[in-house]
Amino acid sequence: MLQIPAVEFHQVKKQYGELEALKEISFSVEEGSFFGLLGPNGAGKSTLINAMSGLIVPSSGRIKIKGFDVIDDYRHTRRILGLVPQELISDPFFSIRELLQLQSGYFGLKGAKQSAWIGELLERLALSDKSDANTSQLSGGMKRRVLIAMALVHKPQVLVLDEPTAGVDVDLRRTLWEFTKELHQQGHTVILTTHYLEEAEALCEKIAIMQDGEVKALDSTHALLSKHTYRYLRVTLSQAAYQLIPALEQRLVEREHNGLVFKLEKTASMTELLAWLHENQLQVTDISSRDASLEEVFLDLTSGETT
């Protein structure tokens, strides 16, 4: 039996006047996957997420969540989806616990079982001691935790995290990822956007890289890394002063306090690099090799744009 994707985008287009924010995007996210949606600022990631969650209406195309159309079946799709937005919450009238109770009410959830789940969310996100405070009394990191709790209060099958760790401390980042990995292991589909590419590399099974409203690459994380045609060689030197020959200079990607990092084609021979180093009369104490990181793949695919 063919499994229905968790999310399907079919020729999704969004236009604001002359600006094409989304250019007929088509791909699907498999049920139960941990999926990364990456791209530089202005790539169209948030526009796509907002269209998926019903915050904007696409100019054309269709989006389905678990087989249900986000426009025709919006009541059903919003029960399936949980969104942690980039924007921080600020509500001076309700405590955190009351906000979670109100959010539960939007989905018709109440009673002892729901109260227990709210209590668990507060505990897991280290908000228990702040449960009676309102958001105006919270730090930015605490407000981010409240957003995560609100997105999870109805136990969505598909969880969308739009830059959830932006501006938060290391402890919260660790807490969030431990909790998110547990949800994923329980069968939840997780879609993540982040500018911390090491997070995406460590967590995501499959990644789409967007730029200028289009999908530049879509594959498993392992395949994206394997397709990269370069490897990186770190050369440690015992000398402080040196001048590189052209063959080395054109392959240099980074200078470190005691060494150099070169980018070399995977098909190139190490013997060739060693010959250049010998020709340059560099005093080498160590050489190490590694494959490309997701950040380096990302920068190559997006033509060197920074995140």
C-alpha atoms as a PDB file:
ATOM      1  CA  MET A   1       0.000   0.000   0.000  1.00  0.00           C
ATOM      2  CA  LEU A   2       1.353   3.393  -1.058  1.00  0.00           C
ATOM      3  CA  GLN A   3       2.011   5.654   1.933  1.00  0.00           C
ATOM      4  CA  ILE A   4       0.601   9.172   1.742  1.00  0.00           C
ATOM      5  CA  PRO A   5       3.324  11.824   2.205  1.00  0.00           C
ATOM      6  CA  ALA A   6       3.163  13.957   5.327  1.00  0.00           C
ATOM      7  CA  VAL A   7       3.317  17.106   3.179  1.00  0.00           C
ATOM      8  CA  GLU A   8       2.990  17.573  -0.584  1.00  0.00           C
ATOM      9  CA  PHE A   9       3.795  20.741  -2.525  1.00  0.00           C
ATOM     10  CA  HIS A  10       2.538  20.723  -6.113  1.00  0.00           C
ATOM     11  CA  GLN A  11       3.580  23.624  -8.373  1.00  0.00           C
ATOM     12  CA  VAL A  12       3.164  26.131  -5.531  1.00  0.00           C
ATOM     13  CA  LYS A  13       3.595  29.697  -6.690  1.00  0.00           C
ATOM     14  CA  LYS A  14       3.332  32.933  -4.725  1.00  0.00           C
ATOM     15  CA  GLN A  15       3.593  36.317  -6.378  1.00  0.00           C
ATOM     16  CA  TYR A  16       3.608  39.778  -4.797  1.00  0.00           C
ATOM     17  CA  GLY A  17       3.235  42.142  -7.732  1.00  0.00           C
ATOM     18  CA  GLU A  18       6.342  41.620  -9.860  1.00  0.00           C
ATOM     19  CA  LEU A  19       8.099  39.592  -7.166  1.00  0.00           C
ATOM     20  CA  GLU A  20       7.919  35.799  -7.467  1.00  0.00           C
ATOM     21  CA  ALA A  21       8.483  34.635  -3.898  1.00  0.00           C
ATOM     22  CA  LEU A  22       7.782  31.000  -4.849  1.00  0.00           C
ATOM     23  CA  LYS A  23       8.311  29.659  -8.367  1.00  0.00           C
ATOM     24  CA  GLU A  24       6.181  26.531  -8.833  1.00  0.00           C
ATOM     25  CA  ILE A  25       7.659  24.544  -5.955  1.00  0.00           C
ATOM     26  CA  SER A  26       7.025  20.796  -6.116  1.00  0.00           C
ATOM     27  CA  PHE A  27       8.300  18.185  -3.650  1.00  0.00           C
ATOM     28  CA  SER A  28       7.016  16.002  -0.830  1.00  0.00           C
ATOM     29  CA  VAL A  29       8.035  15.263   2.743  1.00  0.00           C
ATOM     30  CA  GLU A  30       7.775  11.623   3.748  1.00  0.00           C
ATOM     31  CA  GLU A  31       5.737  10.706   6.803  1.00  0.00           C
ATOM     32  CA  GLY A  32       7.854  10.262   9.920  1.00  0.00           C
ATOM     33  CA  SER A  33      10.914  11.973   8.438  1.00  0.00           C
ATOM     34  CA  PHE A  34      13.136  14.704   9.874  1.00  0.00           C
ATOM     35  CA  PHE A  35      13.294  17.139   6.970  1.00  0.00           C
ATOM     36  CA  GLY A  36      15.490  20.225   6.587  1.00  0.00           C
ATOM     37  CA  LEU A  37      14.387  23.273   4.589  1.00  0.00           C
ATOM     38  CA  LEU A  38      17.436  25.479   4.091  1.00  0.00           C
ATOM     39  CA  GLY A  39      18.320  28.600   2.167  1.00  0.00           C
ATOM     40  CA  PRO A  40      19.700  32.124   2.503  1.00  0.00           C
ATOM     41  CA  ASN A  41      17.491  34.985   3.694  1.00  0.00           C
ATOM     42  CA  GLY A  42      14.839  35.753   1.083  1.00  0.00           C
ATOM     43  CA  ALA A  43      14.991  32.263  -0.442  1.00  0.00           C
ATOM     44  CA  GLY A  44      11.257  31.649   0.122  1.00  0.00           C
ATOM     45  CA  LYS A  45      11.393  29.278   3.105  1.00  0.00           C
ATOM     46  CA  SER A  46       9.075  31.264   5.383  1.00  0.00           C
ATOM     47  CA  THR A  47       6.703  31.995   2.496  1.00  0.00           C
ATOM     48  CA  LEU A  48       6.416  28.259   1.835  1.00  0.00           C
ATOM     49  CA  ILE A  49       5.834  27.525   5.533  1.00  0.00           C
ATOM     50  CA  ASN A  50       3.224  30.282   5.800  1.00  0.00           C
ATOM     51  CA  ALA A  51       1.405  28.850   2.773  1.00  0.00           C
ATOM     52  CA  MET A  52       1.514  25.381   4.335  1.00  0.00           C
ATOM     53  CA  SER A  53       0.097  26.634   7.640  1.00  0.00           C
ATOM     54  CA  GLY A  54      -2.644  28.767   6.069  1.00  0.00           C
ATOM     55  CA  LEU A  55      -1.166  32.171   6.941  1.00  0.00           C
ATOM     56  CA  ILE A  56      -1.000  33.114   3.252  1.00  0.00           C
ATOM     57  CA  VAL A  57      -2.793  31.794   0.169  1.00  0.00           C
ATOM     58  CA  PRO A  58      -0.623  30.633  -2.764  1.00  0.00           C
ATOM     59  CA  SER A  59      -1.148  32.375  -6.100  1.00  0.00           C
ATOM     60  CA  SER A  60      -1.410  28.929  -7.680  1.00  0.00           C
ATOM     61  CA  GLY A  61      -0.648  25.283  -6.955  1.00  0.00           C
ATOM     62  CA  ARG A  62      -1.753  23.013  -4.138  1.00  0.00           C
ATOM     63  CA  ILE A  63      -0.440  21.946  -0.747  1.00  0.00           C
ATOM     64  CA  LYS A  64      -1.626  18.823   1.055  1.00  0.00           C
ATOM     65  CA  ILE A  65      -0.928  17.636   4.590  1.00  0.00           C
ATOM     66  CA  LYS A  66      -1.531  13.916   5.089  1.00  0.00           C
ATOM     67  CA  GLY A  67      -3.611  13.986   1.906  1.00  0.00           C
ATOM     68  CA  PHE A  68      -5.805  16.930   2.964  1.00  0.00           C
ATOM     69  CA  ASP A  69      -5.747  20.211   1.047  1.00  0.00           C
ATOM     70  CA  VAL A  70      -4.669  23.168   3.209  1.00  0.00           C
ATOM     71  CA  ILE A  71      -7.379  25.389   1.679  1.00  0.00           C
ATOM     72  CA  ASP A  72     -10.295  23.024   1.046  1.00  0.00           C
ATOM     73  CA  ASP A  73      -9.714  21.037   4.271  1.00  0.00           C
ATOM     74  CA  TYR A  74      -8.143  23.785   6.384  1.00  0.00           C
ATOM     75  CA  ARG A  75      -9.816  22.743   9.635  1.00  0.00           C
ATOM     76  CA  HIS A  76      -8.364  19.246   9.341  1.00  0.00           C
ATOM     77  CA  THR A  77      -4.879  20.313   8.234  1.00  0.00           C
ATOM     78  CA  ARG A  78      -4.519  22.805  11.084  1.00  0.00           C
ATOM     79  CA  ARG A  79      -5.220  20.046  13.575  1.00  0.00           C
ATOM     80  CA  ILE A  80      -2.442  17.975  12.015  1.00  0.00           C
ATOM     81  CA  LEU A  81       0.109  20.791  11.892  1.00  0.00           C
ATOM     82  CA  GLY A  82       2.047  22.517  14.682  1.00  0.00           C
ATOM     83  CA  LEU A  83       4.100  25.611  13.824  1.00  0.00           C
ATOM     84  CA  VAL A  84       6.861  27.274  15.840  1.00  0.00           C
ATOM     85  CA  PRO A  85       7.225  30.668  14.094  1.00  0.00           C
ATOM     86  CA  GLN A  86      10.244  32.956  14.080  1.00  0.00           C
ATOM     87  CA  GLU A  87       8.402  35.849  15.733  1.00  0.00           C
ATOM     88  CA  LEU A  88       8.449  35.870  19.531  1.00  0.00           C
ATOM     89  CA  ILE A  89       5.195  35.959  21.465  1.00  0.00           C
ATOM     90  CA  SER A  90       4.264  38.833  23.781  1.00  0.00           C
ATOM     91  CA  ASP A  91       0.992  38.721  25.714  1.00  0.00           C
ATOM     92  CA  PRO A  92       0.647  40.888  28.867  1.00  0.00           C
ATOM     93  CA  PHE A  93      -2.726  39.471  29.953  1.00  0.00           C
ATOM     94  CA  PHE A  94      -2.344  35.702  30.356  1.00  0.00           C
ATOM     95  CA  SER A  95       0.092  33.478  32.193  1.00  0.00           C
ATOM     96  CA  ILE A  96       1.986  30.796  30.296  1.00  0.00           C
ATOM     97  CA  ARG A  97      -0.273  28.052  31.613  1.00  0.00           C
ATOM     98  CA  GLU A  98      -3.363  30.059  30.623  1.00  0.00           C
ATOM     99  CA  LEU A  99      -1.960  30.596  27.126  1.00  0.00           C
ATOM    100  CA  LEU A 100      -1.494  26.848  26.739  1.00  0.00           C
ATOM    101  CA  GLN A 101      -5.028  26.230  28.006  1.00  0.00           C
ATOM    102  CA  LEU A 102      -6.395  28.782  25.521  1.00  0.00           C
ATOM    103  CA  GLN A 103      -4.396  27.192  22.706  1.00  0.00           C
ATOM    104  CA  SER A 104      -5.807  23.807  23.708  1.00  0.00           C
ATOM    105  CA  GLY A 105      -9.320  25.227  23.565  1.00  0.00           C
ATOM    106  CA  TYR A 106      -8.853  26.222  19.928  1.00  0.00           C
ATOM    107  CA  PHE A 107      -8.591  22.511  19.183  1.00  0.00           C
ATOM    108  CA  GLY A 108     -11.405  21.485  21.523  1.00  0.00           C
ATOM    109  CA  LEU A 109      -8.982  19.891  23.995  1.00  0.00           C
ATOM    110  CA  LYS A 110      -9.645  20.003  27.724  1.00  0.00           C
ATOM    111  CA  GLY A 111      -9.872  17.841  30.844  1.00  0.00           C
ATOM    112  CA  ALA A 112      -7.389  16.044  33.062  1.00  0.00           C
ATOM    113  CA  LYS A 113      -5.528  14.351  30.230  1.00  0.00           C
ATOM    114  CA  GLN A 114      -4.886  17.650  28.456  1.00  0.00           C
ATOM    115  CA  SER A 115      -3.884  19.350  31.727  1.00  0.00           C
ATOM    116  CA  ALA A 116      -1.373  16.556  32.307  1.00  0.00           C
ATOM    117  CA  TRP A 117       0.087  17.083  28.805  1.00  0.00           C
ATOM    118  CA  ILE A 118       0.397  20.837  29.452  1.00  0.00           C
ATOM    119  CA  GLY A 119       2.188  20.033  32.705  1.00  0.00           C
ATOM    120  CA  GLU A 120       4.572  17.729  30.854  1.00  0.00           C
ATOM    121  CA  LEU A 121       5.307  20.388  28.234  1.00  0.00           C
ATOM    122  CA  LEU A 122       6.039  22.947  30.943  1.00  0.00           C
ATOM    123  CA  GLU A 123       8.385  20.513  32.659  1.00  0.00           C
ATOM    124  CA  ARG A 124      10.178  19.283  29.539  1.00  0.00           C
ATOM    125  CA  LEU A 125      10.768  22.829  28.305  1.00  0.00           C
ATOM    126  CA  ALA A 126      11.909  24.030  31.761  1.00  0.00           C
ATOM    127  CA  LEU A 127       8.934  26.383  32.130  1.00  0.00           C
ATOM    128  CA  SER A 128       7.330  24.930  35.280  1.00  0.00           C
ATOM    129  CA  ASP A 129       8.684  27.627  37.579  1.00  0.00           C
ATOM    130  CA  LYS A 130       7.465  30.312  35.145  1.00  0.00           C
ATOM    131  CA  SER A 131       4.005  28.844  34.500  1.00  0.00           C
ATOM    132  CA  ASP A 132       2.204  31.647  36.368  1.00  0.00           C
ATOM    133  CA  ALA A 133       4.235  34.455  34.770  1.00  0.00           C
ATOM    134  CA  ASN A 134       3.139  36.272  31.630  1.00  0.00           C
ATOM    135  CA  THR A 135       5.387  36.626  28.608  1.00  0.00           C
ATOM    136  CA  SER A 136       6.310  40.252  29.310  1.00  0.00           C
ATOM    137  CA  GLN A 137       8.329  38.945  32.263  1.00  0.00           C
ATOM    138  CA  LEU A 138      10.292  36.434  30.177  1.00  0.00           C
ATOM    139  CA  SER A 139      13.607  36.532  28.348  1.00  0.00           C
ATOM    140  CA  GLY A 140      13.767  35.912  24.613  1.00  0.00           C
ATOM    141  CA  GLY A 141      14.843  32.303  25.179  1.00  0.00           C
ATOM    142  CA  MET A 142      11.916  31.673  27.538  1.00  0.00           C
ATOM    143  CA  LYS A 143       9.486  33.177  25.019  1.00  0.00           C
ATOM    144  CA  ARG A 144      10.868  30.770  22.430  1.00  0.00           C
ATOM    145  CA  ARG A 145      10.094  27.867  24.779  1.00  0.00           C
ATOM    146  CA  VAL A 146       6.502  29.103  25.143  1.00  0.00           C
ATOM    147  CA  LEU A 147       6.114  29.130  21.348  1.00  0.00           C
ATOM    148  CA  ILE A 148       7.337  25.543  21.183  1.00  0.00           C
ATOM    149  CA  ALA A 149       4.902  24.486  23.921  1.00  0.00           C
ATOM    150  CA  MET A 150       2.016  26.207  22.109  1.00  0.00           C
ATOM    151  CA  ALA A 151       2.891  24.407  18.862  1.00  0.00           C
ATOM    152  CA  LEU A 152       2.928  21.038  20.630  1.00  0.00           C
ATOM    153  CA  VAL A 153      -0.130  21.490  22.852  1.00  0.00           C
ATOM    154  CA  HIS A 154      -2.439  19.606  20.438  1.00  0.00           C
ATOM    155  CA  LYS A 155       0.146  16.864  19.708  1.00  0.00           C
ATOM    156  CA  PRO A 156       0.435  17.590  15.975  1.00  0.00           C
ATOM    157  CA  GLN A 157       1.469  14.834  13.582  1.00  0.00           C
ATOM    158  CA  VAL A 158       3.578  17.321  11.601  1.00  0.00           C
ATOM    159  CA  LEU A 159       5.765  19.792  13.503  1.00  0.00           C
ATOM    160  CA  VAL A 160       7.305  22.776  11.693  1.00  0.00           C
ATOM    161  CA  LEU A 161      10.215  24.529  13.408  1.00  0.00           C
ATOM    162  CA  ASP A 162      11.021  27.852  11.729  1.00  0.00           C
ATOM    163  CA  GLU A 163      14.472  28.785  13.082  1.00  0.00           C
ATOM    164  CA  PRO A 164      13.595  27.616  16.607  1.00  0.00           C
ATOM    165  CA  THR A 165      17.084  28.083  18.070  1.00  0.00           C
ATOM    166  CA  ALA A 166      17.744  31.597  16.756  1.00  0.00           C
ATOM    167  CA  GLY A 167      19.156  33.661  19.595  1.00  0.00           C
ATOM    168  CA  VAL A 168      18.780  31.006  22.309  1.00  0.00           C
ATOM    169  CA  ASP A 169      21.391  29.653  24.690  1.00  0.00           C
ATOM    170  CA  VAL A 170      23.164  26.319  24.461  1.00  0.00           C
ATOM    171  CA  ASP A 171      21.063  24.706  27.220  1.00  0.00           C
ATOM    172  CA  LEU A 172      17.776  25.486  25.473  1.00  0.00           C
ATOM    173  CA  ARG A 173      19.142  24.302  22.142  1.00  0.00           C
ATOM    174  CA  ARG A 174      20.132  20.977  23.698  1.00  0.00           C
ATOM    175  CA  THR A 175      16.785  20.646  25.512  1.00  0.00           C
ATOM    176  CA  LEU A 176      14.850  21.419  22.354  1.00  0.00           C
ATOM    177  CA  TRP A 177      16.711  18.923  20.193  1.00  0.00           C
ATOM    178  CA  GLU A 178      16.446  16.134  22.749  1.00  0.00           C
ATOM    179  CA  PHE A 179      12.679  16.682  22.974  1.00  0.00           C
ATOM    180  CA  THR A 180      12.313  17.032  19.199  1.00  0.00           C
ATOM    181  CA  LYS A 181      14.263  13.819  18.566  1.00  0.00           C
ATOM    182  CA  GLU A 182      11.956  11.996  20.989  1.00  0.00           C
ATOM    183  CA  LEU A 183       8.896  13.281  19.101  1.00  0.00           C
ATOM    184  CA  HIS A 184      10.471  12.171  15.834  1.00  0.00           C
ATOM    185  CA  GLN A 185      11.182   8.707  17.236  1.00  0.00           C
ATOM    186  CA  GLN A 186       7.516   8.494  18.235  1.00  0.00           C
ATOM    187  CA  GLY A 187       6.521   8.939  14.583  1.00  0.00           C
ATOM    188  CA  HIS A 188       6.050  12.692  14.256  1.00  0.00           C
ATOM    189  CA  THR A 189       7.185  14.342  11.034  1.00  0.00           C
ATOM    190  CA  VAL A 190       9.521  17.265  11.738  1.00  0.00           C
ATOM    191  CA  ILE A 191      10.305  20.054   9.255  1.00  0.00           C
ATOM    192  CA  LEU A 192      13.167  22.326  10.290  1.00  0.00           C
ATOM    193  CA  THR A 193      14.477  25.612   8.938  1.00  0.00           C
ATOM    194  CA  THR A 194      17.706  26.853  10.472  1.00  0.00           C
ATOM    195  CA  HIS A 195      20.765  28.942   9.725  1.00  0.00           C
ATOM    196  CA  TYR A 196      22.797  26.669  12.020  1.00  0.00           C
ATOM    197  CA  LEU A 197      23.753  24.200   9.307  1.00  0.00           C
ATOM    198  CA  GLU A 198      25.578  21.892  11.712  1.00  0.00           C
ATOM    199  CA  GLU A 199      22.161  21.298  13.347  1.00  0.00           C
ATOM    200  CA  ALA A 200      20.605  20.360  10.026  1.00  0.00           C
ATOM    201  CA  GLU A 201      23.505  18.046   9.189  1.00  0.00           C
ATOM    202  CA  ALA A 202      23.226  16.268  12.540  1.00  0.00           C
ATOM    203  CA  LEU A 203      19.419  16.010  12.674  1.00  0.00           C
ATOM    204  CA  CYS A 204      17.895  15.924   9.201  1.00  0.00           C
ATOM    205  CA  GLU A 205      17.557  12.780   7.110  1.00  0.00           C
ATOM    206  CA  LYS A 206      16.626  14.701   3.967  1.00  0.00           C
ATOM    207  CA  ILE A 207      17.241  18.305   2.940  1.00  0.00           C
ATOM    208  CA  ALA A 208      15.870  20.779   0.407  1.00  0.00           C
ATOM    209  CA  ILE A 209      18.003  23.836  -0.334  1.00  0.00           C
ATOM    210  CA  MET A 210      16.084  26.847  -1.657  1.00  0.00           C
ATOM    211  CA  GLN A 211      17.222  30.031  -3.340  1.00  0.00           C
ATOM    212  CA  ASP A 212      15.276  32.791  -5.113  1.00  0.00           C
ATOM    213  CA  GLY A 213      11.975  30.958  -4.660  1.00  0.00           C
ATOM    214  CA  GLU A 214      13.217  27.713  -6.205  1.00  0.00           C
ATOM    215  CA  VAL A 215      14.536  24.376  -4.936  1.00  0.00           C
ATOM    216  CA  LYS A 216      18.221  24.190  -5.857  1.00  0.00           C
ATOM    217  CA  ALA A 217      18.808  20.704  -4.415  1.00  0.00           C
ATOM    218  CA  LEU A 218      16.729  17.987  -2.767  1.00  0.00           C
ATOM    219  CA  ASP A 219      18.217  14.741  -1.504  1.00  0.00           C
ATOM    220  CA  SER A 220      19.180  12.790   1.584  1.00  0.00           C
ATOM    221  CA  THR A 221      21.764  14.523   3.744  1.00  0.00           C
ATOM    222  CA  HIS A 222      24.262  11.736   3.046  1.00  0.00           C
ATOM    223  CA  ALA A 223      23.736  12.005  -0.726  1.00  0.00           C
ATOM    224  CA  LEU A 224      24.133  15.789  -0.724  1.00  0.00           C
ATOM    225  CA  LEU A 225      27.425  15.491   1.112  1.00  0.00           C
ATOM    226  CA  SER A 226      28.596  12.637  -1.134  1.00  0.00           C
ATOM    227  CA  LYS A 227      27.838  14.591  -4.316  1.00  0.00           C
ATOM    228  CA  HIS A 228      30.213  17.370  -3.324  1.00  0.00           C
ATOM    229  CA  THR A 229      33.195  17.157  -5.666  1.00  0.00           C
ATOM    230  CA  TYR A 230      35.789  18.491  -3.235  1.00  0.00           C
ATOM    231  CA  ARG A 231      37.579  17.406  -0.094  1.00  0.00           C
ATOM    232  CA  TYR A 232      39.340  19.676   2.393  1.00  0.00           C
ATOM    233  CA  LEU A 233      42.936  19.299   3.545  1.00  0.00           C
ATOM    234  CA  ARG A 234      44.289  21.000   6.644  1.00  0.00           C
ATOM    235  CA  VAL A 235      48.035  21.530   6.618  1.00  0.00           C
ATOM    236  CA  THR A 236      49.751  22.424   9.905  1.00  0.00           C
ATOM    237  CA  LEU A 237      52.936  24.475   9.576  1.00  0.00           C
ATOM    238  CA  SER A 238      55.844  25.081  11.904  1.00  0.00           C
ATOM    239  CA  GLN A 239      56.731  28.389  10.240  1.00  0.00           C
ATOM    240  CA  ALA A 240      54.967  31.738  10.700  1.00  0.00           C
ATOM    241  CA  ALA A 241      56.015  33.484   7.473  1.00  0.00           C
ATOM    242  CA  TYR A 242      55.471  32.071   3.980  1.00  0.00           C
ATOM    243  CA  GLN A 243      54.338  32.967   0.482  1.00  0.00           C
ATOM    244  CA  LEU A 244      52.304  30.463  -1.504  1.00  0.00           C
ATOM    245  CA  ILE A 245      52.945  29.406  -5.055  1.00  0.00           C
ATOM    246  CA  PRO A 246      49.990  29.974  -7.464  1.00  0.00           C
ATOM    247  CA  ALA A 247      48.942  26.283  -7.465  1.00  0.00           C
ATOM    248  CA  LEU A 248      48.385  26.411  -3.683  1.00  0.00           C
ATOM    249  CA  GLU A 249      47.077  29.977  -3.526  1.00  0.00           C
ATOM    250  CA  GLN A 250      44.207  29.227  -5.914  1.00  0.00           C
ATOM    251  CA  ARG A 251      43.113  26.242  -3.771  1.00  0.00           C
ATOM    252  CA  LEU A 252      43.407  28.018  -0.417  1.00  0.00           C
ATOM    253  CA  VAL A 253      40.079  28.511   1.403  1.00  0.00           C
ATOM    254  CA  GLU A 254      41.195  29.433   4.928  1.00  0.00           C
ATOM    255  CA  ARG A 255      44.241  30.665   6.827  1.00  0.00           C
ATOM    256  CA  GLU A 256      44.552  29.566  10.444  1.00  0.00           C
ATOM    257  CA  HIS A 257      46.990  30.697  13.133  1.00  0.00           C
ATOM    258  CA  ASN A 258      49.246  27.702  12.531  1.00  0.00           C
ATOM    259  CA  GLY A 259      48.072  26.252   9.255  1.00  0.00           C
ATOM    260  CA  LEU A 260      46.162  26.388   5.980  1.00  0.00           C
ATOM    261  CA  VAL A 261      43.033  24.737   4.596  1.00  0.00           C
ATOM    262  CA  PHE A 262      42.947  23.798   0.916  1.00  0.00           C
ATOM    263  CA  LYS A 263      40.035  22.692  -1.256  1.00  0.00           C
ATOM    264  CA  LEU A 264      41.019  19.876  -3.584  1.00  0.00           C
ATOM    265  CA  GLU A 265      39.041  17.936  -6.179  1.00  0.00           C
ATOM    266  CA  LYS A 266      38.233  14.430  -4.952  1.00  0.00           C
ATOM    267  CA  THR A 267      39.785  13.038  -8.133  1.00  0.00           C
ATOM    268  CA  ALA A 268      43.062  14.881  -7.490  1.00  0.00           C
ATOM    269  CA  SER A 269      46.002  12.944  -6.104  1.00  0.00           C
ATOM    270  CA  MET A 270      47.431  13.671  -2.667  1.00  0.00           C
ATOM    271  CA  THR A 271      50.844  13.239  -4.292  1.00  0.00           C
ATOM    272  CA  GLU A 272      50.164  16.372  -6.319  1.00  0.00           C
ATOM    273  CA  LEU A 273      49.446  18.410  -3.187  1.00  0.00           C
ATOM    274  CA  LEU A 274      52.549  17.054  -1.472  1.00  0.00           C
ATOM    275  CA  ALA A 275      54.619  18.024  -4.524  1.00  0.00           C
ATOM    276  CA  TRP A 276      53.283  21.585  -4.379  1.00  0.00           C
ATOM    277  CA  LEU A 277      54.026  21.800  -0.654  1.00  0.00           C
ATOM    278  CA  HIS A 278      57.555  20.529  -1.294  1.00  0.00           C
ATOM    279  CA  GLU A 279      58.035  23.004  -4.149  1.00  0.00           C
ATOM    280  CA  ASN A 280      56.836  25.799  -1.858  1.00  0.00           C
ATOM    281  CA  GLN A 281      59.391  24.671   0.789  1.00  0.00           C
ATOM    282  CA  LEU A 282      56.744  24.826   3.527  1.00  0.00           C
ATOM    283  CA  GLN A 283      57.663  23.237   6.858  1.00  0.00           C
ATOM    284  CA  VAL A 284      54.732  20.850   7.319  1.00  0.00           C
ATOM    285  CA  THR A 285      54.168  19.102  10.646  1.00  0.00           C
ATOM    286  CA  ASP A 286      50.762  17.503   9.962  1.00  0.00           C
ATOM    287  CA  ILE A 287      48.168  16.960   7.216  1.00  0.00           C
ATOM    288  CA  SER A 288      44.544  15.877   7.742  1.00  0.00           C
ATOM    289  CA  SER A 289      41.759  15.316   5.233  1.00  0.00           C
ATOM    290  CA  ARG A 290      37.963  15.570   5.552  1.00  0.00           C
ATOM    291  CA  ASP A 291      34.905  15.583   3.302  1.00  0.00           C
ATOM    292  CA  ALA A 292      32.778  18.676   2.816  1.00  0.00           C
ATOM    293  CA  SER A 293      30.396  19.807   5.546  1.00  0.00           C
ATOM    294  CA  LEU A 294      26.776  20.711   4.829  1.00  0.00           C
ATOM    295  CA  GLU A 295      27.704  24.381   5.180  1.00  0.00           C
ATOM    296  CA  GLU A 296      30.262  24.065   2.377  1.00  0.00           C
ATOM    297  CA  VAL A 297      27.766  22.209   0.169  1.00  0.00           C
ATOM    298  CA  PHE A 298      25.185  24.908   0.937  1.00  0.00           C
ATOM    299  CA  LEU A 299      27.550  27.754   0.042  1.00  0.00           C
ATOM    300  CA  ASP A 300      28.531  26.084  -3.227  1.00  0.00           C
ATOM    301  CA  LEU A 301      24.892  25.526  -4.218  1.00  0.00           C
ATOM    302  CA  THR A 302      23.839  29.070  -3.348  1.00  0.00           C
ATOM    303  CA  SER A 303      26.782  30.642  -5.160  1.00  0.00           C
ATOM    304  CA  GLY A 304      28.622  31.717  -2.045  1.00  0.00           C
ATOM    305  CA  GLU A 305      25.769  33.530  -0.349  1.00  0.00           C
ATOM    306  CA  THR A 306      26.138  33.718   3.419  1.00  0.00           C
ATOM    307  CA  THR A 307      23.544  32.524   5.835  1.00  0.00           C
END
